[in-house]
N, C-alpha and C. Protein backbone atom coordinates (compact mmCIF):
# COMPACT_ATOMS: atom_id res chain seq x y z
N MET A 1 33.18 90.98 -30.71
CA MET A 1 34.30 91.89 -30.78
C MET A 1 34.29 92.80 -29.58
N SER A 2 35.45 93.29 -29.25
CA SER A 2 35.59 94.13 -28.07
C SER A 2 35.12 95.55 -28.35
N GLU A 3 35.14 96.37 -27.27
CA GLU A 3 34.75 97.78 -27.40
C GLU A 3 35.61 98.54 -28.39
N LYS A 4 36.87 98.15 -28.53
CA LYS A 4 37.75 98.88 -29.45
C LYS A 4 37.26 98.76 -30.89
N PHE A 5 36.37 97.79 -31.16
CA PHE A 5 35.79 97.63 -32.48
C PHE A 5 34.29 97.90 -32.45
N ALA A 6 33.88 98.90 -31.67
CA ALA A 6 32.46 99.23 -31.54
C ALA A 6 31.86 99.51 -32.91
N ASN A 7 30.68 98.98 -33.13
CA ASN A 7 29.95 99.17 -34.39
C ASN A 7 30.75 98.71 -35.60
N ASN A 8 31.64 97.72 -35.41
CA ASN A 8 32.47 97.19 -36.50
C ASN A 8 33.31 98.27 -37.17
N LYS A 9 33.77 99.21 -36.37
CA LYS A 9 34.63 100.30 -36.85
C LYS A 9 35.83 100.43 -35.93
N PHE A 10 36.89 101.00 -36.47
CA PHE A 10 38.03 101.39 -35.65
C PHE A 10 38.72 102.55 -36.34
N SER A 11 39.50 103.29 -35.58
CA SER A 11 40.21 104.46 -36.12
C SER A 11 41.70 104.24 -36.01
N VAL A 12 42.42 104.76 -36.99
CA VAL A 12 43.88 104.77 -36.96
C VAL A 12 44.33 106.17 -37.33
N MET A 13 45.50 106.53 -36.83
CA MET A 13 46.08 107.82 -37.17
C MET A 13 47.10 107.60 -38.28
N VAL A 14 46.93 108.32 -39.38
CA VAL A 14 47.86 108.22 -40.51
C VAL A 14 48.25 109.64 -40.89
N GLY A 15 49.52 109.95 -40.71
CA GLY A 15 50.01 111.28 -41.04
C GLY A 15 49.30 112.38 -40.28
N GLY A 16 48.95 112.12 -39.01
CA GLY A 16 48.27 113.12 -38.20
C GLY A 16 46.79 113.23 -38.47
N LYS A 17 46.26 112.38 -39.33
CA LYS A 17 44.84 112.42 -39.68
C LYS A 17 44.17 111.13 -39.21
N GLU A 18 43.01 111.25 -38.57
CA GLU A 18 42.27 110.08 -38.13
C GLU A 18 41.52 109.47 -39.31
N ILE A 19 41.73 108.19 -39.52
CA ILE A 19 41.05 107.45 -40.58
C ILE A 19 40.13 106.43 -39.91
N VAL A 20 38.84 106.49 -40.23
CA VAL A 20 37.88 105.53 -39.70
C VAL A 20 37.75 104.39 -40.70
N CYS A 21 37.93 103.18 -40.19
CA CYS A 21 37.85 101.98 -41.03
C CYS A 21 36.64 101.15 -40.61
N ASP A 22 36.01 100.53 -41.58
CA ASP A 22 34.91 99.61 -41.32
C ASP A 22 35.42 98.18 -41.46
N ILE A 23 35.08 97.36 -40.49
CA ILE A 23 35.46 95.95 -40.52
C ILE A 23 34.44 95.22 -41.38
N LEU A 24 34.93 94.54 -42.41
CA LEU A 24 34.06 93.79 -43.31
C LEU A 24 33.76 92.41 -42.76
N PHE A 25 34.78 91.73 -42.24
CA PHE A 25 34.59 90.46 -41.56
C PHE A 25 35.86 90.10 -40.82
N THR A 26 35.70 89.20 -39.85
CA THR A 26 36.83 88.65 -39.12
C THR A 26 36.77 87.14 -39.24
N HIS A 27 37.91 86.51 -39.04
CA HIS A 27 37.97 85.05 -39.19
C HIS A 27 39.10 84.51 -38.32
N HIS A 28 38.79 83.45 -37.58
CA HIS A 28 39.83 82.74 -36.83
C HIS A 28 40.15 81.47 -37.60
N SER A 29 41.41 81.26 -37.93
CA SER A 29 41.83 80.06 -38.65
C SER A 29 42.38 79.04 -37.68
N GLU A 30 41.76 77.89 -37.63
CA GLU A 30 42.30 76.79 -36.82
C GLU A 30 43.63 76.32 -37.40
N GLN A 31 43.75 76.40 -38.71
CA GLN A 31 44.97 75.93 -39.39
C GLN A 31 46.20 76.74 -38.99
N THR A 32 46.07 78.07 -38.97
CA THR A 32 47.22 78.92 -38.64
C THR A 32 47.23 79.35 -37.18
N GLY A 33 46.08 79.26 -36.51
CA GLY A 33 45.97 79.72 -35.14
C GLY A 33 45.89 81.23 -35.02
N LYS A 34 45.67 81.91 -36.14
CA LYS A 34 45.65 83.38 -36.16
C LYS A 34 44.22 83.89 -36.37
N ASP A 35 44.02 85.15 -35.94
CA ASP A 35 42.77 85.86 -36.20
C ASP A 35 43.04 86.87 -37.31
N TYR A 36 42.12 86.93 -38.27
CA TYR A 36 42.27 87.79 -39.44
C TYR A 36 41.12 88.79 -39.50
N MET A 37 41.40 89.89 -40.16
CA MET A 37 40.39 90.92 -40.35
C MET A 37 40.48 91.45 -41.78
N ALA A 38 39.33 91.63 -42.39
CA ALA A 38 39.23 92.34 -43.67
C ALA A 38 38.55 93.67 -43.35
N PHE A 39 39.12 94.77 -43.84
CA PHE A 39 38.56 96.07 -43.53
C PHE A 39 38.77 97.02 -44.69
N THR A 40 38.05 98.14 -44.66
CA THR A 40 38.20 99.16 -45.67
C THR A 40 38.25 100.53 -45.02
N ASP A 41 39.00 101.42 -45.64
CA ASP A 41 39.02 102.82 -45.21
C ASP A 41 38.23 103.68 -46.21
N HIS A 42 37.55 103.03 -47.13
CA HIS A 42 36.71 103.64 -48.16
C HIS A 42 37.50 104.43 -49.19
N SER A 43 38.82 104.22 -49.22
CA SER A 43 39.60 104.82 -50.29
C SER A 43 39.36 103.99 -51.56
N LYS A 44 39.80 104.50 -52.67
CA LYS A 44 39.58 103.81 -53.94
C LYS A 44 40.85 103.13 -54.43
N ALA A 45 40.67 101.91 -54.93
CA ALA A 45 41.77 101.17 -55.56
C ALA A 45 41.97 101.76 -56.96
N PRO A 46 43.08 101.44 -57.62
CA PRO A 46 43.31 101.96 -58.97
C PRO A 46 42.19 101.66 -59.97
N ASP A 47 41.46 100.55 -59.78
CA ASP A 47 40.38 100.21 -60.70
C ASP A 47 39.06 100.90 -60.34
N GLY A 48 39.06 101.74 -59.29
CA GLY A 48 37.87 102.47 -58.90
C GLY A 48 37.03 101.79 -57.82
N SER A 49 37.35 100.55 -57.50
CA SER A 49 36.60 99.85 -56.45
C SER A 49 37.11 100.29 -55.08
N ALA A 50 36.35 99.97 -54.05
CA ALA A 50 36.78 100.30 -52.68
C ALA A 50 38.00 99.45 -52.33
N SER A 51 38.96 100.07 -51.66
CA SER A 51 40.14 99.34 -51.21
C SER A 51 39.76 98.45 -50.04
N VAL A 52 40.23 97.21 -50.08
CA VAL A 52 40.02 96.25 -49.00
C VAL A 52 41.39 95.81 -48.53
N PHE A 53 41.57 95.79 -47.22
CA PHE A 53 42.84 95.42 -46.62
C PHE A 53 42.63 94.20 -45.73
N TYR A 54 43.68 93.38 -45.62
CA TYR A 54 43.64 92.19 -44.77
C TYR A 54 44.81 92.26 -43.80
N ALA A 55 44.56 91.84 -42.56
CA ALA A 55 45.62 91.83 -41.55
C ALA A 55 45.30 90.79 -40.50
N THR A 56 46.30 90.45 -39.72
CA THR A 56 46.05 89.63 -38.54
C THR A 56 45.96 90.57 -37.35
N TYR A 57 45.33 90.12 -36.29
CA TYR A 57 45.18 90.94 -35.10
C TYR A 57 44.93 90.03 -33.90
N ASP A 58 45.09 90.59 -32.73
CA ASP A 58 44.81 89.88 -31.49
C ASP A 58 43.51 90.44 -30.93
N PRO A 59 42.42 89.66 -30.98
CA PRO A 59 41.13 90.19 -30.52
C PRO A 59 41.09 90.46 -29.01
N ASN A 60 42.06 89.94 -28.27
CA ASN A 60 42.09 90.14 -26.83
C ASN A 60 43.05 91.23 -26.38
N ALA A 61 43.77 91.84 -27.30
CA ALA A 61 44.74 92.88 -26.96
C ALA A 61 44.03 94.16 -26.52
N GLU A 62 44.73 94.95 -25.72
CA GLU A 62 44.19 96.22 -25.24
C GLU A 62 44.05 97.24 -26.36
N SER A 63 44.98 97.21 -27.31
CA SER A 63 44.96 98.19 -28.40
C SER A 63 44.82 97.47 -29.74
N ILE A 64 44.50 98.25 -30.74
CA ILE A 64 44.41 97.71 -32.10
C ILE A 64 45.82 97.60 -32.65
N ASP A 65 46.23 96.41 -32.92
CA ASP A 65 47.58 96.18 -33.42
C ASP A 65 47.49 95.27 -34.64
N LEU A 66 47.27 95.87 -35.80
CA LEU A 66 47.14 95.10 -37.04
C LEU A 66 48.52 94.72 -37.55
N VAL A 67 48.64 93.49 -37.99
CA VAL A 67 49.91 92.97 -38.50
C VAL A 67 49.68 92.51 -39.94
N PRO A 68 50.50 92.96 -40.87
CA PRO A 68 50.32 92.52 -42.27
C PRO A 68 50.35 90.99 -42.39
N ILE A 69 49.56 90.50 -43.31
CA ILE A 69 49.55 89.06 -43.58
C ILE A 69 50.92 88.67 -44.15
N GLN A 70 51.43 87.53 -43.70
CA GLN A 70 52.80 87.14 -43.99
C GLN A 70 52.98 86.21 -45.19
N THR A 71 51.98 85.40 -45.50
CA THR A 71 52.20 84.37 -46.53
C THR A 71 51.19 84.48 -47.67
N GLN A 72 51.58 83.95 -48.81
CA GLN A 72 50.69 83.92 -49.97
C GLN A 72 49.44 83.10 -49.67
N SER A 73 49.60 82.00 -48.93
CA SER A 73 48.43 81.15 -48.64
C SER A 73 47.42 81.90 -47.77
N GLU A 74 47.89 82.77 -46.87
CA GLU A 74 46.98 83.58 -46.07
C GLU A 74 46.23 84.59 -46.95
N TRP A 75 46.94 85.20 -47.89
CA TRP A 75 46.30 86.13 -48.84
C TRP A 75 45.22 85.42 -49.63
N VAL A 76 45.55 84.25 -50.15
CA VAL A 76 44.59 83.49 -50.95
C VAL A 76 43.37 83.14 -50.11
N MET A 77 43.59 82.66 -48.88
CA MET A 77 42.48 82.30 -48.00
C MET A 77 41.55 83.49 -47.78
N MET A 78 42.11 84.65 -47.48
CA MET A 78 41.29 85.83 -47.21
C MET A 78 40.57 86.33 -48.46
N ARG A 79 41.25 86.33 -49.59
CA ARG A 79 40.58 86.76 -50.83
C ARG A 79 39.44 85.82 -51.19
N GLU A 80 39.66 84.52 -51.03
CA GLU A 80 38.60 83.55 -51.34
C GLU A 80 37.42 83.72 -50.39
N MET A 81 37.70 83.96 -49.12
CA MET A 81 36.61 84.19 -48.16
C MET A 81 35.83 85.44 -48.54
N PHE A 82 36.53 86.51 -48.90
CA PHE A 82 35.88 87.76 -49.28
C PHE A 82 35.00 87.55 -50.52
N GLU A 83 35.52 86.87 -51.51
CA GLU A 83 34.75 86.60 -52.72
C GLU A 83 33.51 85.76 -52.41
N GLN A 84 33.65 84.75 -51.53
CA GLN A 84 32.51 83.91 -51.17
C GLN A 84 31.45 84.71 -50.42
N ILE A 85 31.88 85.59 -49.52
CA ILE A 85 30.95 86.44 -48.78
C ILE A 85 30.19 87.35 -49.76
N GLN A 86 30.90 87.91 -50.73
CA GLN A 86 30.25 88.76 -51.74
C GLN A 86 29.23 87.97 -52.55
N GLU A 87 29.61 86.77 -52.98
CA GLU A 87 28.69 85.93 -53.76
C GLU A 87 27.46 85.56 -52.94
N ASP A 88 27.66 85.17 -51.69
CA ASP A 88 26.53 84.81 -50.82
C ASP A 88 25.60 86.01 -50.61
N ALA A 89 26.18 87.19 -50.39
CA ALA A 89 25.38 88.39 -50.18
C ALA A 89 24.59 88.74 -51.44
N ALA A 90 25.21 88.61 -52.60
CA ALA A 90 24.51 88.91 -53.86
C ALA A 90 23.35 87.95 -54.06
N ARG A 91 23.57 86.65 -53.80
CA ARG A 91 22.48 85.67 -53.93
C ARG A 91 21.33 86.00 -52.98
N GLU A 92 21.68 86.36 -51.75
CA GLU A 92 20.65 86.70 -50.76
C GLU A 92 19.86 87.93 -51.19
N MET A 93 20.55 88.94 -51.71
CA MET A 93 19.86 90.15 -52.17
C MET A 93 18.93 89.84 -53.33
N ILE A 94 19.37 89.01 -54.26
CA ILE A 94 18.53 88.64 -55.40
C ILE A 94 17.30 87.89 -54.92
N GLN A 95 17.48 86.97 -53.98
CA GLN A 95 16.37 86.20 -53.45
C GLN A 95 15.37 87.12 -52.74
N GLN A 96 15.86 88.04 -51.95
CA GLN A 96 14.98 88.98 -51.25
C GLN A 96 14.23 89.86 -52.24
N PHE A 97 14.92 90.30 -53.28
CA PHE A 97 14.27 91.13 -54.31
C PHE A 97 13.17 90.35 -55.00
N ARG A 98 13.47 89.10 -55.37
CA ARG A 98 12.45 88.28 -56.04
C ARG A 98 11.26 88.04 -55.14
N GLN A 99 11.50 87.78 -53.87
CA GLN A 99 10.39 87.57 -52.95
C GLN A 99 9.57 88.84 -52.81
N ALA A 100 10.23 89.99 -52.73
CA ALA A 100 9.52 91.25 -52.61
C ALA A 100 8.70 91.56 -53.85
N MET A 101 9.19 91.11 -55.00
CA MET A 101 8.49 91.35 -56.26
C MET A 101 7.48 90.25 -56.57
N GLY A 102 7.40 89.24 -55.70
CA GLY A 102 6.44 88.15 -55.89
C GLY A 102 6.88 87.11 -56.89
N ALA A 103 8.18 87.09 -57.21
CA ALA A 103 8.66 86.14 -58.21
C ALA A 103 8.89 84.75 -57.62
N GLY A 104 8.96 84.64 -56.31
CA GLY A 104 9.14 83.32 -55.70
C GLY A 104 10.55 82.81 -55.80
N GLU A 105 10.65 81.49 -55.85
CA GLU A 105 11.95 80.83 -55.84
C GLU A 105 12.71 81.03 -57.13
N GLU A 106 14.02 80.98 -57.02
CA GLU A 106 14.91 81.09 -58.17
C GLU A 106 14.76 79.83 -59.03
N PRO A 107 14.65 79.97 -60.36
CA PRO A 107 14.53 78.78 -61.21
C PRO A 107 15.74 77.87 -61.08
N LYS A 108 15.53 76.58 -61.20
CA LYS A 108 16.60 75.60 -61.12
C LYS A 108 17.41 75.63 -62.41
N ALA A 109 18.69 75.26 -62.30
CA ALA A 109 19.55 75.16 -63.47
C ALA A 109 19.03 74.05 -64.37
N GLU A 110 19.33 74.12 -65.66
CA GLU A 110 18.86 73.13 -66.63
C GLU A 110 19.26 71.71 -66.23
N GLU A 111 20.49 71.56 -65.70
CA GLU A 111 20.95 70.24 -65.32
C GLU A 111 20.09 69.66 -64.21
N GLU A 112 19.67 70.51 -63.28
CA GLU A 112 18.85 70.05 -62.16
C GLU A 112 17.45 69.69 -62.63
N LYS A 113 16.90 70.39 -63.63
CA LYS A 113 15.58 70.11 -64.15
C LYS A 113 15.53 68.74 -64.83
N ALA A 114 16.62 68.36 -65.48
CA ALA A 114 16.67 67.12 -66.23
C ALA A 114 16.65 65.90 -65.32
N GLU A 115 17.07 66.06 -64.08
CA GLU A 115 17.17 64.90 -63.18
C GLU A 115 15.84 64.40 -62.73
């Protein structure tokens, strides 16, 4: 990422107030030819979770110019990617915790044991 996204952060001005956003992940889609970004401003969604926003952007542009996602298929793609990243991170954290606690490898599912 360029300097404008130093430390995976960027700032935007909203109503005269600077809002610092953290970039959660970026993705280039060969299918659409677009670059996508998932980010948060750490505000809360109605359910109490952190708000996550998705947009397209030009990683080579001089300025940060986020463009709202245009299609339902793009929304689905980004939500699925975000969910997969969360699942992968949770699995990794559990594995690291088990290793730190000396529990070793995660037990295999019953179906795998039967084979």
